[in-house]
PDB file of N, CA and C in Angstrom:
ATOM      1  N   MET A   1     180.928 118.769  41.611  1.00  0.00           N
ATOM      2  CA  MET A   1     180.408 119.913  40.904  1.00  0.00           C
ATOM      3  C   MET A   1     181.279 120.135  39.679  1.00  0.00           C
ATOM      4  N   THR A   2     180.651 120.364  38.557  1.00  0.00           N
ATOM      5  CA  THR A   2     181.399 120.626  37.338  1.00  0.00           C
ATOM      6  C   THR A   2     181.625 122.122  37.186  1.00  0.00           C
ATOM      7  N   ALA A   3     182.507 122.472  36.269  1.00  0.00           N
ATOM      8  CA  ALA A   3     182.848 123.880  36.063  1.00  0.00           C
ATOM      9  C   ALA A   3     181.647 124.692  35.598  1.00  0.00           C
ATOM     10  N   SER A   4     180.673 124.076  34.940  1.00  0.00           N
ATOM     11  CA  SER A   4     179.517 124.813  34.441  1.00  0.00           C
ATOM     12  C   SER A   4     178.466 125.077  35.518  1.00  0.00           C
ATOM     13  N   GLU A   5     178.523 124.371  36.651  1.00  0.00           N
ATOM     14  CA  GLU A   5     177.552 124.567  37.723  1.00  0.00           C
ATOM     15  C   GLU A   5     178.006 125.714  38.628  1.00  0.00           C
ATOM     16  N   PRO A   6     177.086 126.630  38.938  1.00  0.00           N
ATOM     17  CA  PRO A   6     177.465 127.712  39.862  1.00  0.00           C
ATOM     18  C   PRO A   6     177.587 127.176  41.278  1.00  0.00           C
ATOM     19  N   GLU A   7     178.411 127.851  42.085  1.00  0.00           N
ATOM     20  CA  GLU A   7     178.534 127.453  43.487  1.00  0.00           C
ATOM     21  C   GLU A   7     177.219 127.754  44.204  1.00  0.00           C
ATOM     22  N   ARG A   8     176.825 126.862  45.070  1.00  0.00           N
ATOM     23  CA  ARG A   8     175.608 127.072  45.856  1.00  0.00           C
ATOM     24  C   ARG A   8     175.967 127.960  47.040  1.00  0.00           C
ATOM     25  N   VAL A   9     175.248 129.037  47.207  1.00  0.00           N
ATOM     26  CA  VAL A   9     175.479 129.973  48.303  1.00  0.00           C
ATOM     27  C   VAL A   9     174.235 129.981  49.174  1.00  0.00           C
ATOM     28  N   VAL A  10     174.445 129.830  50.477  1.00  0.00           N
ATOM     29  CA  VAL A  10     173.342 129.830  51.445  1.00  0.00           C
ATOM     30  C   VAL A  10     173.603 130.910  52.486  1.00  0.00           C
ATOM     31  N   ALA A  11     172.586 131.253  53.229  1.00  0.00           N
ATOM     32  CA  ALA A  11     172.745 132.207  54.327  1.00  0.00           C
ATOM     33  C   ALA A  11     173.332 131.469  55.526  1.00  0.00           C
ATOM     34  N   CYS A  12     174.383 132.008  56.091  1.00  0.00           N
ATOM     35  CA  CYS A  12     175.004 131.415  57.280  1.00  0.00           C
ATOM     36  C   CYS A  12     173.975 131.407  58.404  1.00  0.00           C
ATOM     37  N   PRO A  13     173.768 130.251  59.062  1.00  0.00           N
ATOM     38  CA  PRO A  13     172.810 130.197  60.170  1.00  0.00           C
ATOM     39  C   PRO A  13     173.196 131.082  61.353  1.00  0.00           C
ATOM     40  N   GLY A  14     174.474 131.430  61.453  1.00  0.00           N
ATOM     41  CA  GLY A  14     174.926 132.237  62.579  1.00  0.00           C
ATOM     42  C   GLY A  14     174.749 133.721  62.392  1.00  0.00           C
ATOM     43  N   CYS A  15     175.149 134.228  61.206  1.00  0.00           N
ATOM     44  CA  CYS A  15     175.143 135.670  60.998  1.00  0.00           C
ATOM     45  C   CYS A  15     174.375 136.109  59.761  1.00  0.00           C
ATOM     46  N   ARG A  16     173.865 135.148  58.991  1.00  0.00           N
ATOM     47  CA  ARG A  16     173.087 135.393  57.779  1.00  0.00           C
ATOM     48  C   ARG A  16     173.909 135.928  56.612  1.00  0.00           C
ATOM     49  N   ARG A  17     175.238 135.989  56.723  1.00  0.00           N
ATOM     50  CA  ARG A  17     176.062 136.381  55.582  1.00  0.00           C
ATOM     51  C   ARG A  17     176.088 135.242  54.583  1.00  0.00           C
ATOM     52  N   PRO A  18     176.384 135.509  53.308  1.00  0.00           N
ATOM     53  CA  PRO A  18     176.470 134.440  52.314  1.00  0.00           C
ATOM     54  C   PRO A  18     177.616 133.476  52.645  1.00  0.00           C
ATOM     55  N   ALA A  19     177.361 132.194  52.503  1.00  0.00           N
ATOM     56  CA  ALA A  19     178.367 131.161  52.741  1.00  0.00           C
ATOM     57  C   ALA A  19     178.288 130.137  51.615  1.00  0.00           C
ATOM     58  N   VAL A  20     179.430 129.798  51.044  1.00  0.00           N
ATOM     59  CA  VAL A  20     179.466 128.805  49.971  1.00  0.00           C
ATOM     60  C   VAL A  20     179.207 127.433  50.579  1.00  0.00           C
ATOM     61  N   PHE A  21     178.240 126.713  50.015  1.00  0.00           N
ATOM     62  CA  PHE A  21     177.894 125.385  50.510  1.00  0.00           C
ATOM     63  C   PHE A  21     178.546 124.353  49.597  1.00  0.00           C
ATOM     64  N   SER A  22     179.824 124.087  49.876  1.00  0.00           N
ATOM     65  CA  SER A  22     180.576 123.104  49.099  1.00  0.00           C
ATOM     66  C   SER A  22     181.678 122.539  49.992  1.00  0.00           C
ATOM     67  N   PRO A  23     182.280 121.426  49.574  1.00  0.00           N
ATOM     68  CA  PRO A  23     183.381 120.855  50.368  1.00  0.00           C
ATOM     69  C   PRO A  23     184.553 121.816  50.537  1.00  0.00           C
ATOM     70  N   ALA A  24     184.652 122.819  49.691  1.00  0.00           N
ATOM     71  CA  ALA A  24     185.729 123.802  49.818  1.00  0.00           C
ATOM     72  C   ALA A  24     185.557 124.661  51.077  1.00  0.00           C
ATOM     73  N   ASN A  25     184.341 124.798  51.574  1.00  0.00           N
ATOM     74  CA  ASN A  25     184.071 125.570  52.787  1.00  0.00           C
ATOM     75  C   ASN A  25     184.069 124.603  53.967  1.00  0.00           C
ATOM     76  N   ARG A  26     185.142 124.589  54.711  1.00  0.00           N
ATOM     77  CA  ARG A  26     185.276 123.605  55.799  1.00  0.00           C
ATOM     78  C   ARG A  26     184.312 123.835  56.954  1.00  0.00           C
ATOM     79  N   TRP A  27     183.651 124.992  56.996  1.00  0.00           N
ATOM     80  CA  TRP A  27     182.710 125.277  58.090  1.00  0.00           C
ATOM     81  C   TRP A  27     181.260 125.210  57.630  1.00  0.00           C
ATOM     82  N   ARG A  28     180.991 124.706  56.434  1.00  0.00           N
ATOM     83  CA  ARG A  28     179.627 124.733  55.892  1.00  0.00           C
ATOM     84  C   ARG A  28     178.628 124.088  56.831  1.00  0.00           C
ATOM     85  N   PRO A  29     177.464 124.587  56.955  1.00  0.00           N
ATOM     86  CA  PRO A  29     176.843 125.679  56.212  1.00  0.00           C
ATOM     87  C   PRO A  29     177.164 127.054  56.776  1.00  0.00           C
ATOM     88  N   PHE A  30     178.069 127.139  57.718  1.00  0.00           N
ATOM     89  CA  PHE A  30     178.443 128.422  58.312  1.00  0.00           C
ATOM     90  C   PHE A  30     179.471 129.128  57.443  1.00  0.00           C
ATOM     91  N   CYS A  31     179.639 130.428  57.666  1.00  0.00           N
ATOM     92  CA  CYS A  31     180.594 131.192  56.868  1.00  0.00           C
ATOM     93  C   CYS A  31     181.990 131.171  57.474  1.00  0.00           C
ATOM     94  N   SER A  32     182.084 130.849  58.759  1.00  0.00           N
ATOM     95  CA  SER A  32     183.387 130.908  59.424  1.00  0.00           C
ATOM     96  C   SER A  32     183.421 129.982  60.638  1.00  0.00           C
ATOM     97  N   GLU A  33     184.611 129.777  61.140  1.00  0.00           N
ATOM     98  CA  GLU A  33     184.776 128.984  62.348  1.00  0.00           C
ATOM     99  C   GLU A  33     184.078 129.653  63.535  1.00  0.00           C
ATOM    100  N   ARG A  34     184.101 130.983  63.564  1.00  0.00           N
ATOM    101  CA  ARG A  34     183.465 131.721  64.656  1.00  0.00           C
ATOM    102  C   ARG A  34     181.964 131.421  64.714  1.00  0.00           C
ATOM    103  N   CYS A  35     181.281 131.455  63.563  1.00  0.00           N
ATOM    104  CA  CYS A  35     179.839 131.172  63.545  1.00  0.00           C
ATOM    105  C   CYS A  35     179.557 129.717  63.913  1.00  0.00           C
ATOM    106  N   LYS A  36     180.383 128.803  63.447  1.00  0.00           N
ATOM    107  CA  LYS A  36     180.177 127.384  63.762  1.00  0.00           C
ATOM    108  C   LYS A  36     180.369 127.134  65.250  1.00  0.00           C
ATOM    109  N   THR A  37     181.399 127.725  65.836  1.00  0.00           N
ATOM    110  CA  THR A  37     181.674 127.546  67.260  1.00  0.00           C
ATOM    111  C   THR A  37     180.587 128.191  68.118  1.00  0.00           C
ATOM    112  N   GLY A  38     180.111 129.348  67.692  1.00  0.00           N
ATOM    113  CA  GLY A  38     179.036 130.015  68.426  1.00  0.00           C
ATOM    114  C   GLY A  38     177.763 129.183  68.449  1.00  0.00           C
ATOM    115  N   ASP A  39     177.452 128.540  67.332  1.00  0.00           N
ATOM    116  CA  ASP A  39     176.268 127.686  67.273  1.00  0.00           C
ATOM    117  C   ASP A  39     176.436 126.458  68.167  1.00  0.00           C
ATOM    118  N   LEU A  40     177.602 125.863  68.154  1.00  0.00           N
ATOM    119  CA  LEU A  40     177.869 124.712  69.025  1.00  0.00           C
ATOM    120  C   LEU A  40     177.743 125.108  70.494  1.00  0.00           C
ATOM    121  N   GLY A  41     178.249 126.287  70.836  1.00  0.00           N
ATOM    122  CA  GLY A  41     178.136 126.773  72.208  1.00  0.00           C
ATOM    123  C   GLY A  41     176.688 126.991  72.627  1.00  0.00           C
ATOM    124  N   ALA A  42     175.869 127.472  71.692  1.00  0.00           N
ATOM    125  CA  ALA A  42     174.448 127.674  71.991  1.00  0.00           C
ATOM    126  C   ALA A  42     173.765 126.338  72.257  1.00  0.00           C
ATOM    127  N   TRP A  43     174.081 125.318  71.473  1.00  0.00           N
ATOM    128  CA  TRP A  43     173.511 123.984  71.718  1.00  0.00           C
ATOM    129  C   TRP A  43     173.956 123.460  73.078  1.00  0.00           C
ATOM    130  N   ALA A  44     175.249 123.598  73.369  1.00  0.00           N
ATOM    131  CA  ALA A  44     175.787 123.053  74.626  1.00  0.00           C
ATOM    132  C   ALA A  44     175.206 123.751  75.852  1.00  0.00           C
ATOM    133  N   SER A  45     174.882 125.024  75.730  1.00  0.00           N
ATOM    134  CA  SER A  45     174.352 125.766  76.875  1.00  0.00           C
ATOM    135  C   SER A  45     172.838 125.617  77.030  1.00  0.00           C
ATOM    136  N   GLY A  46     172.194 124.939  76.095  1.00  0.00           N
ATOM    137  CA  GLY A  46     170.762 124.737  76.179  1.00  0.00           C
ATOM    138  C   GLY A  46     169.952 125.902  75.632  1.00  0.00           C
ATOM    139  N   ALA A  47     170.563 126.745  74.807  1.00  0.00           N
ATOM    140  CA  ALA A  47     169.856 127.891  74.248  1.00  0.00           C
ATOM    141  C   ALA A  47     168.791 127.465  73.244  1.00  0.00           C
ATOM    142  N   TYR A  48     168.957 126.319  72.619  1.00  0.00           N
ATOM    143  CA  TYR A  48     167.971 125.814  71.667  1.00  0.00           C
ATOM    144  C   TYR A  48     167.072 124.828  72.389  1.00  0.00           C
ATOM    145  N   VAL A  49     165.815 125.161  72.476  1.00  0.00           N
ATOM    146  CA  VAL A  49     164.848 124.282  73.134  1.00  0.00           C
ATOM    147  C   VAL A  49     163.610 124.151  72.264  1.00  0.00           C
ATOM    148  N   ILE A  50     162.893 123.069  72.436  1.00  0.00           N
ATOM    149  CA  ILE A  50     161.635 122.837  71.739  1.00  0.00           C
ATOM    150  C   ILE A  50     160.529 122.983  72.767  1.00  0.00           C
ATOM    151  N   ASP A  51     159.546 123.818  72.443  1.00  0.00           N
ATOM    152  CA  ASP A  51     158.431 124.022  73.362  1.00  0.00           C
ATOM    153  C   ASP A  51     157.680 122.719  73.599  1.00  0.00           C
ATOM    154  N   GLY A  52     157.227 122.535  74.807  1.00  0.00           N
ATOM    155  CA  GLY A  52     156.440 121.362  75.146  1.00  0.00           C
ATOM    156  C   GLY A  52     156.699 120.937  76.571  1.00  0.00           C
ATOM    157  N   GLU A  53     156.016 119.906  76.963  1.00  0.00           N
ATOM    158  CA  GLU A  53     156.182 119.361  78.310  1.00  0.00           C
ATOM    159  C   GLU A  53     157.522 118.634  78.408  1.00  0.00           C
ATOM    160  N   PRO A  54     158.227 118.767  79.514  1.00  0.00           N
ATOM    161  CA  PRO A  54     159.489 118.037  79.685  1.00  0.00           C
ATOM    162  C   PRO A  54     159.237 116.535  79.751  1.00  0.00           C
ATOM    163  N   LEU A  55     160.169 115.770  79.245  1.00  0.00           N
ATOM    164  CA  LEU A  55     160.068 114.313  79.281  1.00  0.00           C
ATOM    165  C   LEU A  55     160.487 113.797  80.646  1.00  0.00           C
ATOM    166  N   ASP A  56     159.938 112.656  81.055  1.00  0.00           N
ATOM    167  CA  ASP A  56     160.381 112.003  82.279  1.00  0.00           C
ATOM    168  C   ASP A  56     161.771 111.437  82.062  1.00  0.00           C
ATOM    169  N   ASP A  57     162.507 111.215  83.138  1.00  0.00           N
ATOM    170  CA  ASP A  57     163.841 110.623  83.045  1.00  0.00           C
ATOM    171  C   ASP A  57     163.768 109.106  83.107  1.00  0.00           C
ATOM    172  N   ASP A  58     162.723 108.524  82.541  1.00  0.00           N
ATOM    173  CA  ASP A  58     162.524 107.081  82.618  1.00  0.00           C
ATOM    174  C   ASP A  58     163.338 106.305  81.595  1.00  0.00           C
ATOM    175  N   GLY A  59     163.881 106.952  80.615  1.00  0.00           N
ATOM    176  CA  GLY A  59     164.627 106.226  79.596  1.00  0.00           C
ATOM    177  C   GLY A  59     163.759 105.901  78.403  1.00  0.00           C
ATOM    178  N   PRO A  60     164.355 105.333  77.370  1.00  0.00           N
ATOM    179  CA  PRO A  60     163.621 105.118  76.125  1.00  0.00           C
ATOM    180  C   PRO A  60     162.511 104.069  76.215  1.00  0.00           C
ATOM    181  N   THR A  61     162.576 103.117  77.132  1.00  0.00           N
ATOM    182  CA  THR A  61     161.570 102.073  77.208  1.00  0.00           C
ATOM    183  C   THR A  61     160.456 102.404  78.202  1.00  0.00           C
ATOM    184  N   GLY A  62     160.592 103.499  78.933  1.00  0.00           N
ATOM    185  CA  GLY A  62     159.569 103.859  79.893  1.00  0.00           C
ATOM    186  C   GLY A  62     159.811 103.274  81.275  1.00  0.00           C
ATOM    187  N   GLU A  63     160.835 102.463  81.434  1.00  0.00           N
ATOM    188  CA  GLU A  63     161.146 101.909  82.749  1.00  0.00           C
ATOM    189  C   GLU A  63     161.961 102.921  83.528  1.00  0.00           C
ATOM    190  N   SER A  64     161.700 103.030  84.797  1.00  0.00           N
ATOM    191  CA  SER A  64     162.497 103.929  85.609  1.00  0.00           C
ATOM    192  C   SER A  64     163.843 103.280  85.894  1.00  0.00           C
ATOM    193  N   ALA A  65     164.814 104.102  86.256  1.00  0.00           N
ATOM    194  CA  ALA A  65     166.162 103.601  86.523  1.00  0.00           C
ATOM    195  C   ALA A  65     166.163 102.607  87.675  1.00  0.00           C
ATOM    196  N   SER A  66     165.310 102.829  88.690  1.00  0.00           N
ATOM    197  CA  SER A  66     165.289 101.926  89.833  1.00  0.00           C
ATOM    198  C   SER A  66     164.702 100.569  89.462  1.00  0.00           C
ATOM    199  N   ALA A  67     163.729 100.551  88.548  1.00  0.00           N
ATOM    200  CA  ALA A  67     163.122  99.280  88.148  1.00  0.00           C
ATOM    201  C   ALA A  67     164.066  98.456  87.275  1.00  0.00           C
ATOM    202  N   SER A  68     164.892  99.128  86.481  1.00  0.00           N
ATOM    203  CA  SER A  68     165.787  98.387  85.596  1.00  0.00           C
ATOM    204  C   SER A  68     167.029  97.882  86.339  1.00  0.00           C
ATOM    205  N   SER A  69     167.286  98.361  87.551  1.00  0.00           N
ATOM    206  CA  SER A  69     168.481  97.924  88.276  1.00  0.00           C
ATOM    207  C   SER A  69     168.179  96.774  89.242  1.00  0.00           C
ATOM    208  N   ARG A  70     166.959  96.299  89.230  1.00  0.00           N
ATOM    209  CA  ARG A  70     166.608  95.197  90.153  1.00  0.00           C
ATOM    210  C   ARG A  70     167.206  93.906  89.746  1.00  0.00           C
TER     211      ARG A  70
END
């Protein structure tokens, strides 16, 4: 970024406060370590889900675990 370009400011995904989106902000796009850690905790606890039918535990190729261990 050159001196003539304004800093890009985005809304923090955690608290919606303004957060500078640049390498100078070590927690980008979050405003703070607290917001970044809170978001990571939400992912780890399964708070973020996509609506739809659950997938089978067959694996990426569609083979079940018992069939692939033969």
